[in-house]
Amino acid sequence: MRQYDKPAENAAKSILKELALAHPQALANDHLYAMYNRTSKEMASKEHFARLISDLENDFYIRYQPEKGYQFASKILCDWWRRHYAF
């Protein structure tokens, strides 16, 4: 999370919190984009969102399943995130 500026960090934390609370259900891209827009109003563009989602995938936080949507890549990480951040 330290690599992000403050708005992107807040957006990433909100997305990960939402995914942790939804587990095991996956969330659609549109749902996560709406959350991103609510969290980071000053930089709410599709390009910034796509870059953030790509970073979260490349850092192995999340994975995309075409038929379902986005989920945590690891149940252990999801449980940790839920315990420490999803309150």
PDB file of N, CA and C in Angstrom:
ATOM      1  N   MET A   1       0.808  -1.194   0.000  1.00  0.00           N
ATOM      2  CA  MET A   1       0.000   0.000   0.000  1.00  0.00           C
ATOM      3  C   MET A   1       0.854   1.262   0.000  1.00  0.00           C
ATOM      4  N   ARG A   2       2.082   1.158   0.455  1.00  0.00           N
ATOM      5  CA  ARG A   2       2.928   2.349   0.551  1.00  0.00           C
ATOM      6  C   ARG A   2       3.278   2.950  -0.800  1.00  0.00           C
ATOM      7  N   GLN A   3       3.143   2.173  -1.863  1.00  0.00           N
ATOM      8  CA  GLN A   3       3.501   2.672  -3.191  1.00  0.00           C
ATOM      9  C   GLN A   3       2.461   3.640  -3.748  1.00  0.00           C
ATOM     10  N   TYR A   4       1.265   3.662  -3.182  1.00  0.00           N
ATOM     11  CA  TYR A   4       0.183   4.491  -3.693  1.00  0.00           C
ATOM     12  C   TYR A   4       0.175   5.860  -3.022  1.00  0.00           C
ATOM     13  N   ASP A   5      -0.315   6.864  -3.762  1.00  0.00           N
ATOM     14  CA  ASP A   5      -0.573   8.138  -3.109  1.00  0.00           C
ATOM     15  C   ASP A   5      -1.816   7.963  -2.228  1.00  0.00           C
ATOM     16  N   LYS A   6      -2.128   8.956  -1.412  1.00  0.00           N
ATOM     17  CA  LYS A   6      -3.198   8.801  -0.414  1.00  0.00           C
ATOM     18  C   LYS A   6      -4.563   8.479  -1.036  1.00  0.00           C
ATOM     19  N   PRO A   7      -5.008   9.172  -2.111  1.00  0.00           N
ATOM     20  CA  PRO A   7      -6.310   8.816  -2.699  1.00  0.00           C
ATOM     21  C   PRO A   7      -6.346   7.381  -3.242  1.00  0.00           C
ATOM     22  N   ALA A   8      -5.270   6.963  -3.895  1.00  0.00           N
ATOM     23  CA  ALA A   8      -5.227   5.595  -4.433  1.00  0.00           C
ATOM     24  C   ALA A   8      -5.157   4.571  -3.300  1.00  0.00           C
ATOM     25  N   GLU A   9      -4.432   4.881  -2.249  1.00  0.00           N
ATOM     26  CA  GLU A   9      -4.365   3.982  -1.093  1.00  0.00           C
ATOM     27  C   GLU A   9      -5.742   3.811  -0.465  1.00  0.00           C
ATOM     28  N   ASN A  10      -6.468   4.910  -0.290  1.00  0.00           N
ATOM     29  CA  ASN A  10      -7.820   4.828   0.276  1.00  0.00           C
ATOM     30  C   ASN A  10      -8.747   4.027  -0.624  1.00  0.00           C
ATOM     31  N   ALA A  11      -8.635   4.228  -1.929  1.00  0.00           N
ATOM     32  CA  ALA A  11      -9.463   3.476  -2.866  1.00  0.00           C
ATOM     33  C   ALA A  11      -9.125   1.992  -2.818  1.00  0.00           C
ATOM     34  N   ALA A  12      -7.838   1.659  -2.790  1.00  0.00           N
ATOM     35  CA  ALA A  12      -7.417   0.257  -2.721  1.00  0.00           C
ATOM     36  C   ALA A  12      -7.921  -0.397  -1.443  1.00  0.00           C
ATOM     37  N   LYS A  13      -7.800   0.297  -0.329  1.00  0.00           N
ATOM     38  CA  LYS A  13      -8.283  -0.256   0.945  1.00  0.00           C
ATOM     39  C   LYS A  13      -9.797  -0.462   0.920  1.00  0.00           C
ATOM     40  N   SER A  14     -10.524   0.458   0.320  1.00  0.00           N
ATOM     41  CA  SER A  14     -11.984   0.298   0.221  1.00  0.00           C
ATOM     42  C   SER A  14     -12.353  -0.892  -0.650  1.00  0.00           C
ATOM     43  N   ILE A  15     -11.669  -1.045  -1.755  1.00  0.00           N
ATOM     44  CA  ILE A  15     -11.932  -2.174  -2.653  1.00  0.00           C
ATOM     45  C   ILE A  15     -11.625  -3.485  -1.941  1.00  0.00           C
ATOM     46  N   LEU A  16     -10.479  -3.562  -1.282  1.00  0.00           N
ATOM     47  CA  LEU A  16     -10.107  -4.797  -0.592  1.00  0.00           C
ATOM     48  C   LEU A  16     -11.040  -5.094   0.578  1.00  0.00           C
ATOM     49  N   LYS A  17     -11.477  -4.059   1.264  1.00  0.00           N
ATOM     50  CA  LYS A  17     -12.442  -4.259   2.349  1.00  0.00           C
ATOM     51  C   LYS A  17     -13.745  -4.834   1.796  1.00  0.00           C
ATOM     52  N   GLU A  18     -14.238  -4.261   0.711  1.00  0.00           N
ATOM     53  CA  GLU A  18     -15.475  -4.737   0.093  1.00  0.00           C
ATOM     54  C   GLU A  18     -15.343  -6.189  -0.368  1.00  0.00           C
ATOM     55  N   LEU A  19     -14.205  -6.524  -0.962  1.00  0.00           N
ATOM     56  CA  LEU A  19     -13.980  -7.903  -1.404  1.00  0.00           C
ATOM     57  C   LEU A  19     -13.892  -8.855  -0.212  1.00  0.00           C
ATOM     58  N   ALA A  20     -13.252  -8.420   0.864  1.00  0.00           N
ATOM     59  CA  ALA A  20     -13.140  -9.272   2.060  1.00  0.00           C
ATOM     60  C   ALA A  20     -14.513  -9.540   2.660  1.00  0.00           C
ATOM     61  N   LEU A  21     -15.343  -8.505   2.724  1.00  0.00           N
ATOM     62  CA  LEU A  21     -16.676  -8.679   3.300  1.00  0.00           C
ATOM     63  C   LEU A  21     -17.596  -9.501   2.405  1.00  0.00           C
ATOM     64  N   ALA A  22     -17.365  -9.475   1.106  1.00  0.00           N
ATOM     65  CA  ALA A  22     -18.201 -10.216   0.164  1.00  0.00           C
ATOM     66  C   ALA A  22     -17.782 -11.681   0.029  1.00  0.00           C
ATOM     67  N   HIS A  23     -16.585 -12.011   0.466  1.00  0.00           N
ATOM     68  CA  HIS A  23     -16.059 -13.368   0.286  1.00  0.00           C
ATOM     69  C   HIS A  23     -17.020 -14.409   0.853  1.00  0.00           C
ATOM     70  N   PRO A  24     -17.318 -15.475   0.147  1.00  0.00           N
ATOM     71  CA  PRO A  24     -16.674 -15.999  -1.051  1.00  0.00           C
ATOM     72  C   PRO A  24     -17.264 -15.487  -2.369  1.00  0.00           C
ATOM     73  N   GLN A  25     -18.235 -14.614  -2.287  1.00  0.00           N
ATOM     74  CA  GLN A  25     -18.826 -14.072  -3.511  1.00  0.00           C
ATOM     75  C   GLN A  25     -17.832 -13.144  -4.204  1.00  0.00           C
ATOM     76  N   ALA A  26     -17.789 -13.226  -5.530  1.00  0.00           N
ATOM     77  CA  ALA A  26     -16.967 -12.319  -6.330  1.00  0.00           C
ATOM     78  C   ALA A  26     -17.766 -11.055  -6.621  1.00  0.00           C
ATOM     79  N   LEU A  27     -17.057  -9.968  -6.888  1.00  0.00           N
ATOM     80  CA  LEU A  27     -17.716  -8.700  -7.193  1.00  0.00           C
ATOM     81  C   LEU A  27     -17.379  -8.263  -8.617  1.00  0.00           C
ATOM     82  N   ALA A  28     -18.370  -7.726  -9.282  1.00  0.00           N
ATOM     83  CA  ALA A  28     -18.211  -7.298 -10.670  1.00  0.00           C
ATOM     84  C   ALA A  28     -17.345  -6.047 -10.764  1.00  0.00           C
ATOM     85  N   ASN A  29     -16.720  -5.888 -11.901  1.00  0.00           N
ATOM     86  CA  ASN A  29     -15.885  -4.727 -12.183  1.00  0.00           C
ATOM     87  C   ASN A  29     -16.664  -3.426 -11.977  1.00  0.00           C
ATOM     88  N   ASP A  30     -17.904  -3.370 -12.448  1.00  0.00           N
ATOM     89  CA  ASP A  30     -18.724  -2.164 -12.311  1.00  0.00           C
ATOM     90  C   ASP A  30     -18.965  -1.804 -10.848  1.00  0.00           C
ATOM     91  N   HIS A  31     -19.170  -2.805 -10.017  1.00  0.00           N
ATOM     92  CA  HIS A  31     -19.373  -2.568  -8.589  1.00  0.00           C
ATOM     93  C   HIS A  31     -18.117  -1.950  -7.969  1.00  0.00           C
ATOM     94  N   LEU A  32     -16.953  -2.506  -8.304  1.00  0.00           N
ATOM     95  CA  LEU A  32     -15.708  -1.992  -7.756  1.00  0.00           C
ATOM     96  C   LEU A  32     -15.405  -0.595  -8.285  1.00  0.00           C
ATOM     97  N   TYR A  33     -15.754  -0.334  -9.546  1.00  0.00           N
ATOM     98  CA  TYR A  33     -15.536   1.000 -10.108  1.00  0.00           C
ATOM     99  C   TYR A  33     -16.418   2.040  -9.408  1.00  0.00           C
ATOM    100  N   ALA A  34     -17.643   1.669  -9.093  1.00  0.00           N
ATOM    101  CA  ALA A  34     -18.534   2.583  -8.363  1.00  0.00           C
ATOM    102  C   ALA A  34     -17.948   2.892  -6.989  1.00  0.00           C
ATOM    103  N   MET A  35     -17.402   1.895  -6.321  1.00  0.00           N
ATOM    104  CA  MET A  35     -16.763   2.109  -5.029  1.00  0.00           C
ATOM    105  C   MET A  35     -15.541   3.003  -5.186  1.00  0.00           C
ATOM    106  N   TYR A  36     -14.764   2.778  -6.212  1.00  0.00           N
ATOM    107  CA  TYR A  36     -13.593   3.604  -6.500  1.00  0.00           C
ATOM    108  C   TYR A  36     -14.005   5.066  -6.680  1.00  0.00           C
ATOM    109  N   ASN A  37     -15.082   5.296  -7.416  1.00  0.00           N
ATOM    110  CA  ASN A  37     -15.574   6.662  -7.640  1.00  0.00           C
ATOM    111  C   ASN A  37     -15.979   7.338  -6.333  1.00  0.00           C
ATOM    112  N   ARG A  38     -16.618   6.608  -5.439  1.00  0.00           N
ATOM    113  CA  ARG A  38     -17.031   7.177  -4.150  1.00  0.00           C
ATOM    114  C   ARG A  38     -15.827   7.520  -3.274  1.00  0.00           C
ATOM    115  N   THR A  39     -14.782   6.722  -3.382  1.00  0.00           N
ATOM    116  CA  THR A  39     -13.627   6.872  -2.506  1.00  0.00           C
ATOM    117  C   THR A  39     -12.637   7.928  -2.996  1.00  0.00           C
ATOM    118  N   SER A  40     -12.406   7.995  -4.291  1.00  0.00           N
ATOM    119  CA  SER A  40     -11.359   8.880  -4.818  1.00  0.00           C
ATOM    120  C   SER A  40     -11.942   9.848  -5.837  1.00  0.00           C
ATOM    121  N   LYS A  41     -12.711  10.776  -5.371  1.00  0.00           N
ATOM    122  CA  LYS A  41     -13.449  11.696  -6.234  1.00  0.00           C
ATOM    123  C   LYS A  41     -12.566  12.512  -7.166  1.00  0.00           C
ATOM    124  N   GLU A  42     -11.398  12.950  -6.693  1.00  0.00           N
ATOM    125  CA  GLU A  42     -10.603  13.834  -7.527  1.00  0.00           C
ATOM    126  C   GLU A  42      -9.874  13.135  -8.674  1.00  0.00           C
ATOM    127  N   MET A  43      -9.749  11.829  -8.632  1.00  0.00           N
ATOM    128  CA  MET A  43      -9.050  11.128  -9.709  1.00  0.00           C
ATOM    129  C   MET A  43      -9.860   9.960 -10.257  1.00  0.00           C
ATOM    130  N   ALA A  44     -11.156  10.081 -10.244  1.00  0.00           N
ATOM    131  CA  ALA A  44     -12.042   8.981 -10.601  1.00  0.00           C
ATOM    132  C   ALA A  44     -12.163   8.823 -12.110  1.00  0.00           C
ATOM    133  N   SER A  45     -11.134   8.287 -12.723  1.00  0.00           N
ATOM    134  CA  SER A  45     -11.192   8.000 -14.158  1.00  0.00           C
ATOM    135  C   SER A  45     -11.031   6.498 -14.370  1.00  0.00           C
ATOM    136  N   LYS A  46     -11.520   6.030 -15.487  1.00  0.00           N
ATOM    137  CA  LYS A  46     -11.404   4.599 -15.826  1.00  0.00           C
ATOM    138  C   LYS A  46      -9.940   4.180 -15.902  1.00  0.00           C
ATOM    139  N   GLU A  47      -9.088   5.058 -16.404  1.00  0.00           N
ATOM    140  CA  GLU A  47      -7.664   4.725 -16.547  1.00  0.00           C
ATOM    141  C   GLU A  47      -7.001   4.531 -15.190  1.00  0.00           C
ATOM    142  N   HIS A  48      -7.283   5.431 -14.240  1.00  0.00           N
ATOM    143  CA  HIS A  48      -6.715   5.284 -12.895  1.00  0.00           C
ATOM    144  C   HIS A  48      -7.256   4.033 -12.213  1.00  0.00           C
ATOM    145  N   PHE A  49      -8.537   3.779 -12.386  1.00  0.00           N
ATOM    146  CA  PHE A  49      -9.137   2.578 -11.806  1.00  0.00           C
ATOM    147  C   PHE A  49      -8.493   1.323 -12.384  1.00  0.00           C
ATOM    148  N   ALA A  50      -8.356   1.275 -13.699  1.00  0.00           N
ATOM    149  CA  ALA A  50      -7.757   0.104 -14.350  1.00  0.00           C
ATOM    150  C   ALA A  50      -6.320  -0.110 -13.876  1.00  0.00           C
ATOM    151  N   ARG A  51      -5.583   0.969 -13.691  1.00  0.00           N
ATOM    152  CA  ARG A  51      -4.206   0.859 -13.207  1.00  0.00           C
ATOM    153  C   ARG A  51      -4.182   0.329 -11.771  1.00  0.00           C
ATOM    154  N   LEU A  52      -5.092   0.821 -10.941  1.00  0.00           N
ATOM    155  CA  LEU A  52      -5.156   0.353  -9.551  1.00  0.00           C
ATOM    156  C   LEU A  52      -5.528  -1.130  -9.490  1.00  0.00           C
ATOM    157  N   ILE A  53      -6.524  -1.533 -10.249  1.00  0.00           N
ATOM    158  CA  ILE A  53      -6.928  -2.943 -10.270  1.00  0.00           C
ATOM    159  C   ILE A  53      -5.782  -3.818 -10.784  1.00  0.00           C
ATOM    160  N   SER A  54      -5.102  -3.345 -11.811  1.00  0.00           N
ATOM    161  CA  SER A  54      -3.954  -4.087 -12.345  1.00  0.00           C
ATOM    162  C   SER A  54      -2.854  -4.222 -11.292  1.00  0.00           C
ATOM    163  N   ASP A  55      -2.592  -3.146 -10.563  1.00  0.00           N
ATOM    164  CA  ASP A  55      -1.587  -3.211  -9.488  1.00  0.00           C
ATOM    165  C   ASP A  55      -1.998  -4.201  -8.407  1.00  0.00           C
ATOM    166  N   LEU A  56      -3.270  -4.195  -8.027  1.00  0.00           N
ATOM    167  CA  LEU A  56      -3.740  -5.138  -7.008  1.00  0.00           C
ATOM    168  C   LEU A  56      -3.635  -6.580  -7.495  1.00  0.00           C
ATOM    169  N   GLU A  57      -3.873  -6.795  -8.782  1.00  0.00           N
ATOM    170  CA  GLU A  57      -3.701  -8.144  -9.348  1.00  0.00           C
ATOM    171  C   GLU A  57      -2.219  -8.534  -9.381  1.00  0.00           C
ATOM    172  N   ASN A  58      -1.372  -7.625  -9.835  1.00  0.00           N
ATOM    173  CA  ASN A  58       0.057  -7.921  -9.937  1.00  0.00           C
ATOM    174  C   ASN A  58       0.719  -8.110  -8.578  1.00  0.00           C
ATOM    175  N   ASP A  59       0.151  -7.498  -7.546  1.00  0.00           N
ATOM    176  CA  ASP A  59       0.656  -7.675  -6.176  1.00  0.00           C
ATOM    177  C   ASP A  59       0.017  -8.879  -5.484  1.00  0.00           C
ATOM    178  N   PHE A  60      -0.782  -9.638  -6.239  1.00  0.00           N
ATOM    179  CA  PHE A  60      -1.415 -10.883  -5.771  1.00  0.00           C
ATOM    180  C   PHE A  60      -2.431 -10.674  -4.659  1.00  0.00           C
ATOM    181  N   TYR A  61      -3.024  -9.500  -4.597  1.00  0.00           N
ATOM    182  CA  TYR A  61      -4.143  -9.288  -3.679  1.00  0.00           C
ATOM    183  C   TYR A  61      -5.420  -9.899  -4.240  1.00  0.00           C
ATOM    184  N   ILE A  62      -5.678  -9.648  -5.525  1.00  0.00           N
ATOM    185  CA  ILE A  62      -6.942 -10.068  -6.127  1.00  0.00           C
ATOM    186  C   ILE A  62      -6.691 -10.828  -7.415  1.00  0.00           C
ATOM    187  N   ARG A  63      -7.747 -11.517  -7.864  1.00  0.00           N
ATOM    188  CA  ARG A  63      -7.707 -12.207  -9.156  1.00  0.00           C
ATOM    189  C   ARG A  63      -9.055 -12.021  -9.831  1.00  0.00           C
ATOM    190  N   TYR A  64      -9.043 -12.121 -11.130  1.00  0.00           N
ATOM    191  CA  TYR A  64     -10.259 -11.947 -11.913  1.00  0.00           C
ATOM    192  C   TYR A  64     -10.659 -13.273 -12.523  1.00  0.00           C
ATOM    193  N   GLN A  65     -11.926 -13.624 -12.359  1.00  0.00           N
ATOM    194  CA  GLN A  65     -12.491 -14.805 -13.005  1.00  0.00           C
ATOM    195  C   GLN A  65     -13.587 -14.311 -13.937  1.00  0.00           C
ATOM    196  N   PRO A  66     -13.428 -14.527 -15.248  1.00  0.00           N
ATOM    197  CA  PRO A  66     -14.364 -13.950 -16.221  1.00  0.00           C
ATOM    198  C   PRO A  66     -15.837 -14.230 -15.938  1.00  0.00           C
ATOM    199  N   GLU A  67     -16.169 -15.407 -15.482  1.00  0.00           N
ATOM    200  CA  GLU A  67     -17.576 -15.743 -15.260  1.00  0.00           C
ATOM    201  C   GLU A  67     -18.119 -15.207 -13.936  1.00  0.00           C
ATOM    202  N   LYS A  68     -17.231 -14.761 -13.028  1.00  0.00           N
ATOM    203  CA  LYS A  68     -17.665 -14.328 -11.697  1.00  0.00           C
ATOM    204  C   LYS A  68     -17.347 -12.868 -11.403  1.00  0.00           C
ATOM    205  N   GLY A  69     -16.120 -12.477 -11.570  1.00  0.00           N
ATOM    206  CA  GLY A  69     -15.668 -11.139 -11.228  1.00  0.00           C
ATOM    207  C   GLY A  69     -14.389 -11.205 -10.417  1.00  0.00           C
ATOM    208  N   TYR A  70     -14.184 -10.216  -9.542  1.00  0.00           N
ATOM    209  CA  TYR A  70     -12.965 -10.137  -8.738  1.00  0.00           C
ATOM    210  C   TYR A  70     -13.174 -10.747  -7.365  1.00  0.00           C
ATOM    211  N   GLN A  71     -12.114 -11.426  -6.910  1.00  0.00           N
ATOM    212  CA  GLN A  71     -12.062 -12.016  -5.573  1.00  0.00           C
ATOM    213  C   GLN A  71     -10.647 -11.866  -5.045  1.00  0.00           C
ATOM    214  N   PHE A  72     -10.485 -12.072  -3.746  1.00  0.00           N
ATOM    215  CA  PHE A  72      -9.139 -12.160  -3.207  1.00  0.00           C
ATOM    216  C   PHE A  72      -8.440 -13.351  -3.848  1.00  0.00           C
ATOM    217  N   ALA A  73      -7.164 -13.216  -4.093  1.00  0.00           N
ATOM    218  CA  ALA A  73      -6.386 -14.302  -4.687  1.00  0.00           C
ATOM    219  C   ALA A  73      -6.120 -15.414  -3.674  1.00  0.00           C
ATOM    220  N   SER A  74      -6.136 -15.074  -2.395  1.00  0.00           N
ATOM    221  CA  SER A  74      -5.817 -16.035  -1.342  1.00  0.00           C
ATOM    222  C   SER A  74      -6.834 -15.916  -0.215  1.00  0.00           C
ATOM    223  N   LYS A  75      -7.351 -17.040   0.231  1.00  0.00           N
ATOM    224  CA  LYS A  75      -8.285 -17.024   1.366  1.00  0.00           C
ATOM    225  C   LYS A  75      -7.588 -16.551   2.633  1.00  0.00           C
ATOM    226  N   ILE A  76      -6.336 -16.913   2.795  1.00  0.00           N
ATOM    227  CA  ILE A  76      -5.588 -16.485   3.977  1.00  0.00           C
ATOM    228  C   ILE A  76      -5.464 -14.966   4.002  1.00  0.00           C
ATOM    229  N   LEU A  77      -5.121 -14.380   2.873  1.00  0.00           N
ATOM    230  CA  LEU A  77      -5.020 -12.926   2.788  1.00  0.00           C
ATOM    231  C   LEU A  77      -6.381 -12.269   2.993  1.00  0.00           C
ATOM    232  N   CYS A  78      -7.415 -12.867   2.441  1.00  0.00           N
ATOM    233  CA  CYS A  78      -8.771 -12.355   2.626  1.00  0.00           C
ATOM    234  C   CYS A  78      -9.142 -12.365   4.103  1.00  0.00           C
ATOM    235  N   ASP A  79      -8.871 -13.458   4.781  1.00  0.00           N
ATOM    236  CA  ASP A  79      -9.175 -13.551   6.218  1.00  0.00           C
ATOM    237  C   ASP A  79      -8.385 -12.522   7.018  1.00  0.00           C
ATOM    238  N   TRP A  80      -7.113 -12.351   6.672  1.00  0.00           N
ATOM    239  CA  TRP A  80      -6.284 -11.368   7.367  1.00  0.00           C
ATOM    240  C   TRP A  80      -6.842  -9.960   7.137  1.00  0.00           C
ATOM    241  N   TRP A  81      -7.186  -9.668   5.892  1.00  0.00           N
ATOM    242  CA  TRP A  81      -7.707  -8.337   5.570  1.00  0.00           C
ATOM    243  C   TRP A  81      -9.029  -8.085   6.300  1.00  0.00           C
ATOM    244  N   ARG A  82      -9.884  -9.090   6.331  1.00  0.00           N
ATOM    245  CA  ARG A  82     -11.174  -8.959   7.029  1.00  0.00           C
ATOM    246  C   ARG A  82     -10.949  -8.712   8.520  1.00  0.00           C
ATOM    247  N   ARG A  83     -10.009  -9.413   9.103  1.00  0.00           N
ATOM    248  CA  ARG A  83      -9.761  -9.278  10.532  1.00  0.00           C
ATOM    249  C   ARG A  83      -9.164  -7.910  10.889  1.00  0.00           C
ATOM    250  N   HIS A  84      -8.272  -7.382  10.048  1.00  0.00           N
ATOM    251  CA  HIS A  84      -7.551  -6.168  10.406  1.00  0.00           C
ATOM    252  C   HIS A  84      -8.090  -4.874   9.803  1.00  0.00           C
ATOM    253  N   TYR A  85      -8.825  -4.958   8.699  1.00  0.00           N
ATOM    254  CA  TYR A  85      -9.253  -3.733   8.020  1.00  0.00           C
ATOM    255  C   TYR A  85     -10.762  -3.610   7.790  1.00  0.00           C
ATOM    256  N   ALA A  86     -11.485  -4.698   7.836  1.00  0.00           N
ATOM    257  CA  ALA A  86     -12.898  -4.654   7.456  1.00  0.00           C
ATOM    258  C   ALA A  86     -13.805  -4.441   8.668  1.00  0.00           C
ATOM    259  N   PHE A  87     -13.621  -3.331   9.344  1.00  0.00           N
ATOM    260  CA  PHE A  87     -14.477  -3.017  10.493  1.00  0.00           C
ATOM    261  C   PHE A  87     -15.027  -1.627  10.358  1.00  0.00           C
TER     262      PHE A  87
END
